[in-house]
N, C-alpha and C. Protein backbone atom coordinates (compact mmCIF):
# COMPACT_ATOMS: atom_id res chain seq x y z
N MET A 1 119.69 87.08 102.09
CA MET A 1 119.88 88.22 101.23
C MET A 1 120.85 87.84 100.13
N PRO A 2 120.56 88.19 98.86
CA PRO A 2 121.46 87.82 97.78
C PRO A 2 122.75 88.60 97.88
N GLU A 3 123.77 88.07 97.22
CA GLU A 3 125.07 88.71 97.28
C GLU A 3 125.14 89.98 96.45
N SER A 4 124.17 90.25 95.59
CA SER A 4 124.20 91.44 94.75
C SER A 4 122.81 92.04 94.63
N SER A 5 122.78 93.35 94.48
CA SER A 5 121.50 94.02 94.25
C SER A 5 121.39 94.46 92.80
N ALA A 6 122.21 93.89 91.95
CA ALA A 6 122.23 94.27 90.54
C ALA A 6 120.93 93.88 89.86
N ALA A 7 120.56 94.68 88.89
CA ALA A 7 119.37 94.38 88.11
C ALA A 7 119.62 93.12 87.29
N ALA A 8 118.57 92.39 87.02
CA ALA A 8 118.69 91.17 86.25
C ALA A 8 117.90 91.34 84.96
N PRO A 9 118.51 91.91 83.91
CA PRO A 9 117.77 92.13 82.69
C PRO A 9 117.55 90.88 81.85
N ALA A 10 118.21 89.79 82.20
CA ALA A 10 118.07 88.58 81.41
C ALA A 10 116.66 88.02 81.53
N PRO A 11 116.03 87.72 80.40
CA PRO A 11 114.68 87.17 80.45
C PRO A 11 114.65 85.82 81.13
N LYS A 12 113.58 85.59 81.88
CA LYS A 12 113.34 84.29 82.47
C LYS A 12 111.84 84.05 82.41
N SER A 13 111.46 82.82 82.30
CA SER A 13 110.03 82.55 82.20
C SER A 13 109.66 81.33 83.02
N ALA A 14 108.43 81.33 83.44
CA ALA A 14 107.87 80.20 84.17
C ALA A 14 106.66 79.72 83.39
N PRO A 15 106.29 78.47 83.56
CA PRO A 15 105.12 77.98 82.82
C PRO A 15 103.88 78.81 83.12
N GLY A 16 103.25 79.31 82.10
CA GLY A 16 102.03 80.08 82.25
C GLY A 16 102.25 81.51 82.70
N ALA A 17 103.48 81.93 82.87
CA ALA A 17 103.75 83.30 83.32
C ALA A 17 104.35 84.10 82.18
N ALA A 18 104.21 85.41 82.28
CA ALA A 18 104.78 86.29 81.26
C ALA A 18 106.30 86.34 81.43
N THR A 19 107.00 86.59 80.35
CA THR A 19 108.44 86.71 80.38
C THR A 19 108.84 87.98 81.12
N VAL A 20 109.77 87.87 82.03
CA VAL A 20 110.25 89.01 82.78
C VAL A 20 111.33 89.71 81.96
N LEU A 21 111.09 90.99 81.66
CA LEU A 21 112.05 91.77 80.87
C LEU A 21 113.08 92.45 81.76
N TYR A 22 112.70 92.76 82.99
CA TYR A 22 113.59 93.46 83.91
C TYR A 22 113.12 93.20 85.33
N THR A 23 114.05 92.99 86.23
CA THR A 23 113.71 92.86 87.64
C THR A 23 114.84 93.44 88.48
N GLU A 24 114.45 94.06 89.57
CA GLU A 24 115.42 94.67 90.47
C GLU A 24 114.83 94.66 91.87
N LYS A 25 115.65 94.30 92.83
CA LYS A 25 115.25 94.31 94.24
C LYS A 25 116.03 95.42 94.92
N LEU A 26 115.35 96.31 95.61
CA LEU A 26 115.98 97.49 96.22
C LEU A 26 116.48 97.19 97.63
N TRP A 27 117.48 96.31 97.71
CA TRP A 27 118.06 95.92 99.00
C TRP A 27 118.70 97.11 99.69
N PRO A 28 118.70 97.13 101.01
CA PRO A 28 119.39 98.19 101.75
C PRO A 28 120.90 98.15 101.50
N ASN A 29 121.52 99.32 101.51
CA ASN A 29 122.97 99.43 101.35
C ASN A 29 123.68 98.93 102.60
N PHE A 30 125.00 98.79 102.49
CA PHE A 30 125.83 98.35 103.61
C PHE A 30 125.68 99.27 104.81
N TRP A 31 125.64 100.58 104.56
CA TRP A 31 125.58 101.52 105.69
C TRP A 31 124.28 101.42 106.45
N ILE A 32 123.20 100.98 105.81
CA ILE A 32 121.93 100.77 106.51
C ILE A 32 122.08 99.61 107.50
N TRP A 33 122.77 98.56 107.08
CA TRP A 33 123.01 97.42 107.97
C TRP A 33 123.93 97.84 109.12
N LEU A 34 124.89 98.70 108.83
CA LEU A 34 125.80 99.19 109.86
C LEU A 34 125.04 100.03 110.90
N VAL A 35 124.16 100.91 110.43
CA VAL A 35 123.33 101.71 111.33
C VAL A 35 122.42 100.79 112.15
N SER A 36 121.88 99.76 111.53
CA SER A 36 121.02 98.81 112.25
C SER A 36 121.79 98.12 113.36
N ALA A 37 123.02 97.73 113.07
CA ALA A 37 123.85 97.10 114.10
C ALA A 37 124.13 98.08 115.23
N GLY A 38 124.39 99.34 114.87
CA GLY A 38 124.64 100.36 115.89
C GLY A 38 123.42 100.60 116.77
N LEU A 39 122.25 100.68 116.15
CA LEU A 39 121.02 100.88 116.93
C LEU A 39 120.73 99.69 117.83
N SER A 40 120.95 98.51 117.32
CA SER A 40 120.66 97.33 118.14
C SER A 40 121.64 97.19 119.30
N SER A 41 122.82 97.78 119.16
CA SER A 41 123.78 97.72 120.28
C SER A 41 123.30 98.54 121.48
N ALA A 42 122.28 99.35 121.29
CA ALA A 42 121.70 100.08 122.43
C ALA A 42 121.15 99.11 123.47
N GLY A 43 120.80 97.91 123.05
CA GLY A 43 120.34 96.89 124.00
C GLY A 43 121.41 96.55 125.02
N ILE A 44 122.67 96.55 124.57
CA ILE A 44 123.77 96.29 125.50
C ILE A 44 123.85 97.42 126.52
N LEU A 45 123.75 98.65 126.03
CA LEU A 45 123.85 99.80 126.94
C LEU A 45 122.73 99.82 127.97
N MET A 46 121.54 99.43 127.55
CA MET A 46 120.40 99.47 128.46
C MET A 46 120.44 98.36 129.50
N LEU A 47 120.88 97.16 129.11
CA LEU A 47 120.78 96.02 130.01
C LEU A 47 122.11 95.57 130.60
N ALA A 48 123.23 96.15 130.17
CA ALA A 48 124.53 95.75 130.71
C ALA A 48 124.63 95.98 132.23
N PRO A 49 124.05 97.07 132.77
CA PRO A 49 124.12 97.21 134.23
C PRO A 49 123.44 96.07 134.98
N ILE A 50 122.46 95.44 134.35
CA ILE A 50 121.76 94.32 134.98
C ILE A 50 122.56 93.04 134.76
N SER A 51 122.87 92.79 133.47
CA SER A 51 123.61 91.58 133.11
C SER A 51 124.17 91.77 131.71
N LEU A 52 125.45 91.50 131.54
CA LEU A 52 126.07 91.63 130.22
C LEU A 52 125.46 90.64 129.23
N ALA A 53 125.15 89.45 129.70
CA ALA A 53 124.52 88.44 128.83
C ALA A 53 123.15 88.92 128.36
N ALA A 54 122.38 89.54 129.24
CA ALA A 54 121.06 90.07 128.85
C ALA A 54 121.23 91.20 127.84
N GLY A 55 122.23 92.03 128.03
CA GLY A 55 122.48 93.12 127.08
C GLY A 55 122.85 92.61 125.70
N ILE A 56 123.72 91.61 125.64
CA ILE A 56 124.11 91.03 124.35
C ILE A 56 122.92 90.34 123.70
N THR A 57 122.15 89.62 124.49
CA THR A 57 120.95 88.95 123.96
C THR A 57 119.97 89.98 123.40
N ALA A 58 119.77 91.07 124.11
CA ALA A 58 118.87 92.12 123.64
C ALA A 58 119.38 92.72 122.33
N ALA A 59 120.67 92.93 122.23
CA ALA A 59 121.24 93.49 121.00
C ALA A 59 121.03 92.54 119.82
N VAL A 60 121.24 91.26 120.04
CA VAL A 60 121.05 90.28 118.96
C VAL A 60 119.58 90.22 118.54
N VAL A 61 118.69 90.22 119.52
CA VAL A 61 117.25 90.17 119.20
C VAL A 61 116.83 91.45 118.46
N LEU A 62 117.28 92.60 118.92
CA LEU A 62 116.94 93.86 118.23
C LEU A 62 117.46 93.86 116.80
N PHE A 63 118.70 93.39 116.59
CA PHE A 63 119.23 93.35 115.23
C PHE A 63 118.43 92.39 114.36
N ALA A 64 118.04 91.26 114.91
CA ALA A 64 117.24 90.30 114.14
C ALA A 64 115.90 90.90 113.74
N ILE A 65 115.27 91.63 114.64
CA ILE A 65 113.99 92.27 114.33
C ILE A 65 114.17 93.32 113.24
N ILE A 66 115.19 94.15 113.37
CA ILE A 66 115.45 95.19 112.36
C ILE A 66 115.75 94.54 111.01
N ALA A 67 116.56 93.48 111.01
CA ALA A 67 116.92 92.81 109.76
C ALA A 67 115.70 92.22 109.08
N VAL A 68 114.84 91.57 109.84
CA VAL A 68 113.62 90.99 109.27
C VAL A 68 112.74 92.09 108.67
N LEU A 69 112.59 93.20 109.39
CA LEU A 69 111.77 94.30 108.86
C LEU A 69 112.37 94.90 107.58
N LEU A 70 113.68 95.04 107.54
CA LEU A 70 114.32 95.56 106.33
C LEU A 70 114.13 94.62 105.14
N VAL A 71 114.32 93.33 105.37
CA VAL A 71 114.17 92.36 104.28
C VAL A 71 112.72 92.29 103.80
N LEU A 72 111.78 92.26 104.74
CA LEU A 72 110.37 92.16 104.36
C LEU A 72 109.85 93.42 103.66
N SER A 73 110.46 94.56 103.94
CA SER A 73 109.99 95.81 103.32
C SER A 73 110.76 96.18 102.05
N THR A 74 111.64 95.29 101.59
CA THR A 74 112.41 95.56 100.38
C THR A 74 111.54 95.33 99.15
N PRO A 75 111.27 96.39 98.37
CA PRO A 75 110.40 96.23 97.20
C PRO A 75 111.14 95.66 96.00
N THR A 76 110.38 95.06 95.11
CA THR A 76 110.90 94.54 93.85
C THR A 76 110.25 95.29 92.71
N ILE A 77 111.05 95.63 91.70
CA ILE A 77 110.53 96.23 90.47
C ILE A 77 110.60 95.15 89.40
N THR A 78 109.46 94.86 88.77
CA THR A 78 109.41 93.83 87.74
C THR A 78 108.66 94.37 86.52
N VAL A 79 109.30 94.22 85.37
CA VAL A 79 108.68 94.61 84.10
C VAL A 79 108.49 93.35 83.27
N THR A 80 107.25 93.11 82.84
CA THR A 80 106.97 92.03 81.90
C THR A 80 106.43 92.66 80.62
N ALA A 81 106.11 91.85 79.66
CA ALA A 81 105.58 92.37 78.41
C ALA A 81 104.25 93.08 78.61
N SER A 82 103.50 92.71 79.64
CA SER A 82 102.17 93.29 79.82
C SER A 82 102.00 94.13 81.08
N THR A 83 102.88 94.00 82.07
CA THR A 83 102.67 94.72 83.33
C THR A 83 103.97 95.32 83.88
N LEU A 84 103.76 96.29 84.76
CA LEU A 84 104.84 96.85 85.58
C LEU A 84 104.40 96.65 87.01
N ARG A 85 105.29 96.08 87.81
CA ARG A 85 105.01 95.89 89.23
C ARG A 85 106.12 96.58 90.02
N VAL A 86 105.72 97.48 90.90
CA VAL A 86 106.66 98.19 91.78
C VAL A 86 106.15 97.97 93.21
N GLY A 87 106.91 97.19 93.96
CA GLY A 87 106.44 96.83 95.30
C GLY A 87 105.17 96.00 95.17
N ARG A 88 104.09 96.43 95.84
CA ARG A 88 102.83 95.71 95.77
C ARG A 88 101.88 96.26 94.70
N ALA A 89 102.28 97.36 94.04
CA ALA A 89 101.41 97.98 93.03
C ALA A 89 101.71 97.40 91.65
N THR A 90 100.66 97.17 90.88
CA THR A 90 100.79 96.64 89.52
C THR A 90 99.93 97.47 88.58
N ILE A 91 100.46 97.71 87.38
CA ILE A 91 99.71 98.44 86.35
C ILE A 91 100.01 97.81 85.00
N GLU A 92 99.01 97.82 84.14
CA GLU A 92 99.22 97.32 82.78
C GLU A 92 100.10 98.31 82.02
N ARG A 93 100.97 97.79 81.20
CA ARG A 93 101.89 98.66 80.46
C ARG A 93 101.16 99.50 79.42
N SER A 94 99.96 99.11 79.04
CA SER A 94 99.20 99.92 78.07
C SER A 94 98.82 101.28 78.66
N PHE A 95 98.87 101.42 79.98
CA PHE A 95 98.55 102.69 80.63
C PHE A 95 99.79 103.50 80.98
N LEU A 96 100.94 103.09 80.49
CA LEU A 96 102.19 103.80 80.80
C LEU A 96 102.58 104.73 79.66
N GLY A 97 103.02 105.93 80.03
CA GLY A 97 103.54 106.88 79.06
C GLY A 97 105.06 106.82 79.07
N THR A 98 105.68 107.97 79.00
CA THR A 98 107.13 108.03 78.96
C THR A 98 107.73 107.76 80.34
N ALA A 99 108.90 107.15 80.31
CA ALA A 99 109.66 106.90 81.54
C ALA A 99 110.95 107.69 81.43
N THR A 100 111.30 108.39 82.50
CA THR A 100 112.48 109.25 82.51
C THR A 100 113.32 108.94 83.74
N ALA A 101 114.62 108.78 83.53
CA ALA A 101 115.55 108.51 84.62
C ALA A 101 116.15 109.82 85.13
N PHE A 102 116.35 109.91 86.44
CA PHE A 102 116.95 111.09 87.06
C PHE A 102 118.02 110.64 88.04
N ARG A 103 119.12 111.40 88.07
CA ARG A 103 120.21 111.12 89.00
C ARG A 103 120.61 112.41 89.72
N ARG A 104 121.25 112.25 90.85
CA ARG A 104 121.83 113.33 91.65
C ARG A 104 120.85 114.46 91.94
N ALA A 105 121.18 115.69 91.58
CA ALA A 105 120.35 116.85 91.91
C ALA A 105 118.96 116.76 91.27
N GLU A 106 118.90 116.24 90.06
CA GLU A 106 117.59 116.08 89.40
C GLU A 106 116.71 115.08 90.15
N ALA A 107 117.32 114.01 90.63
CA ALA A 107 116.57 113.01 91.40
C ALA A 107 116.06 113.63 92.71
N THR A 108 116.90 114.44 93.34
CA THR A 108 116.49 115.12 94.57
C THR A 108 115.31 116.05 94.30
N ALA A 109 115.35 116.78 93.18
CA ALA A 109 114.25 117.67 92.82
C ALA A 109 112.97 116.89 92.54
N GLU A 110 113.09 115.73 91.89
CA GLU A 110 111.91 114.91 91.60
C GLU A 110 111.27 114.39 92.89
N ARG A 111 112.09 114.08 93.87
CA ARG A 111 111.57 113.61 95.16
C ARG A 111 111.11 114.75 96.04
N GLY A 112 111.47 115.97 95.69
CA GLY A 112 111.17 117.11 96.57
C GLY A 112 110.34 118.18 95.90
N THR A 113 110.99 119.21 95.40
CA THR A 113 110.27 120.40 94.92
C THR A 113 109.39 120.15 93.70
N ARG A 114 109.71 119.19 92.86
CA ARG A 114 108.89 118.91 91.67
C ARG A 114 107.89 117.79 91.89
N LEU A 115 107.81 117.26 93.10
CA LEU A 115 106.93 116.13 93.38
C LEU A 115 105.47 116.54 93.36
N ASN A 116 104.66 115.78 92.65
CA ASN A 116 103.21 115.96 92.63
C ASN A 116 102.64 115.14 93.78
N GLY A 117 101.78 115.75 94.57
CA GLY A 117 101.20 115.08 95.73
C GLY A 117 100.35 113.87 95.40
N LEU A 118 99.90 113.73 94.16
CA LEU A 118 99.08 112.60 93.76
C LEU A 118 99.91 111.44 93.19
N ALA A 119 101.20 111.62 93.07
CA ALA A 119 102.06 110.59 92.48
C ALA A 119 102.17 109.38 93.40
N PHE A 120 102.31 108.21 92.78
CA PHE A 120 102.60 106.98 93.52
C PHE A 120 104.10 106.93 93.75
N LEU A 121 104.51 106.68 95.00
CA LEU A 121 105.93 106.68 95.34
C LEU A 121 106.38 105.32 95.86
N CYS A 122 107.53 104.91 95.39
CA CYS A 122 108.24 103.76 95.96
C CYS A 122 109.69 104.20 96.07
N ILE A 123 109.97 104.95 97.12
CA ILE A 123 111.27 105.60 97.30
C ILE A 123 112.01 104.91 98.44
N ARG A 124 113.28 104.68 98.22
CA ARG A 124 114.17 104.18 99.27
C ARG A 124 115.30 105.19 99.42
N GLY A 125 115.50 105.68 100.63
CA GLY A 125 116.49 106.72 100.90
C GLY A 125 117.91 106.31 100.58
N TRP A 126 118.19 105.03 100.54
CA TRP A 126 119.54 104.56 100.26
C TRP A 126 119.79 104.35 98.78
N VAL A 127 118.80 104.64 97.93
CA VAL A 127 118.97 104.54 96.47
C VAL A 127 118.70 105.92 95.89
N ASP A 128 119.74 106.58 95.39
CA ASP A 128 119.59 107.96 94.92
C ASP A 128 118.83 108.10 93.60
N PRO A 129 119.18 107.36 92.53
CA PRO A 129 118.48 107.58 91.26
C PRO A 129 117.00 107.20 91.35
N VAL A 130 116.18 107.91 90.57
CA VAL A 130 114.75 107.61 90.49
C VAL A 130 114.32 107.57 89.03
N VAL A 131 113.18 106.91 88.80
CA VAL A 131 112.57 106.86 87.48
C VAL A 131 111.14 107.34 87.62
N ARG A 132 110.77 108.31 86.77
CA ARG A 132 109.39 108.80 86.75
C ARG A 132 108.70 108.16 85.55
N ILE A 133 107.57 107.49 85.81
CA ILE A 133 106.82 106.77 84.78
C ILE A 133 105.45 107.40 84.68
N GLU A 134 105.18 108.04 83.56
CA GLU A 134 103.90 108.73 83.36
C GLU A 134 102.77 107.71 83.25
N ILE A 135 101.61 108.06 83.81
CA ILE A 135 100.41 107.23 83.74
C ILE A 135 99.42 107.90 82.79
N THR A 136 98.97 107.14 81.78
CA THR A 136 98.08 107.71 80.75
C THR A 136 96.63 107.27 80.89
N ASP A 137 96.31 106.53 81.93
CA ASP A 137 94.93 106.08 82.16
C ASP A 137 94.06 107.29 82.52
N PRO A 138 93.05 107.63 81.71
CA PRO A 138 92.22 108.80 81.99
C PRO A 138 91.38 108.66 83.26
N THR A 139 91.15 107.44 83.73
CA THR A 139 90.34 107.25 84.94
C THR A 139 91.19 107.24 86.21
N ASP A 140 92.50 107.31 86.06
CA ASP A 140 93.41 107.28 87.20
C ASP A 140 93.90 108.69 87.49
N ARG A 141 93.70 109.16 88.73
CA ARG A 141 94.15 110.51 89.08
C ARG A 141 95.65 110.60 89.29
N THR A 142 96.32 109.44 89.39
CA THR A 142 97.76 109.42 89.61
C THR A 142 98.47 109.88 88.34
N PRO A 143 99.22 111.00 88.39
CA PRO A 143 99.88 111.49 87.18
C PRO A 143 101.09 110.66 86.78
N TYR A 144 101.80 110.11 87.77
CA TYR A 144 102.99 109.30 87.47
C TYR A 144 103.38 108.47 88.67
N TRP A 145 104.22 107.47 88.40
CA TRP A 145 104.84 106.68 89.46
C TRP A 145 106.28 107.16 89.55
N LEU A 146 106.78 107.30 90.76
CA LEU A 146 108.18 107.66 90.99
C LEU A 146 108.79 106.57 91.85
N THR A 147 109.80 105.90 91.30
CA THR A 147 110.41 104.79 92.02
C THR A 147 111.92 104.91 92.04
N SER A 148 112.51 104.52 93.14
CA SER A 148 113.96 104.44 93.22
C SER A 148 114.43 103.28 92.34
N SER A 149 115.64 103.41 91.79
CA SER A 149 116.22 102.33 90.99
C SER A 149 117.73 102.52 90.94
N ARG A 150 118.45 101.46 91.21
CA ARG A 150 119.91 101.54 91.11
C ARG A 150 120.37 101.55 89.65
N HIS A 151 119.51 101.10 88.75
CA HIS A 151 119.82 101.03 87.32
C HIS A 151 118.71 101.70 86.53
N PRO A 152 118.55 103.02 86.67
CA PRO A 152 117.40 103.69 86.06
C PRO A 152 117.37 103.60 84.53
N GLU A 153 118.53 103.64 83.90
CA GLU A 153 118.54 103.57 82.43
C GLU A 153 118.07 102.20 81.94
N ARG A 154 118.45 101.14 82.65
CA ARG A 154 117.99 99.80 82.28
C ARG A 154 116.48 99.68 82.45
N LEU A 155 115.96 100.25 83.52
CA LEU A 155 114.51 100.22 83.75
C LEU A 155 113.78 100.99 82.65
N VAL A 156 114.28 102.17 82.30
CA VAL A 156 113.66 102.95 81.23
C VAL A 156 113.71 102.16 79.91
N ASP A 157 114.84 101.55 79.60
CA ASP A 157 114.96 100.75 78.38
C ASP A 157 113.95 99.61 78.36
N ALA A 158 113.77 98.93 79.50
CA ALA A 158 112.82 97.83 79.57
C ALA A 158 111.39 98.32 79.36
N LEU A 159 111.08 99.50 79.88
CA LEU A 159 109.73 100.05 79.73
C LEU A 159 109.47 100.55 78.31
N GLN A 160 110.50 101.02 77.65
CA GLN A 160 110.33 101.52 76.28
C GLN A 160 110.38 100.41 75.25
N GLY A 161 110.93 99.27 75.62
CA GLY A 161 111.11 98.15 74.67
C GLY A 161 109.88 97.35 74.45
């Protein structure tokens, strides 16, 4: 896991690949790792009456499983000159409309009472701000994408640029 979850707005390019205008990985917060450690310690409670070594081993194995699942399920947001990729979903930028950043109560409303059931979601509970990206493709029933972002203004700037 990298030492920072900060967005990397600096352009980088690979041979034959489009220039990346913005990238962000939605790593779990510290408290998620703390909760994972707490849940995995249940292995000690379950197996300590049998053997303390078995309980500690179970706790370590449970934490390793939880950690692998958290890392593997961490989505990446990538904006290039031609595409937007959020998690495993990709769309051409020519089909994108306006992008709007929301924080605090507005972000909660976007994830809740104002949410359209047809919207594409990439939400992480440990990241409060969200960005709503309108979809203008007439053949796509999805009205917008809603994604969590620790740096919503940077993401909006990259999409508008």
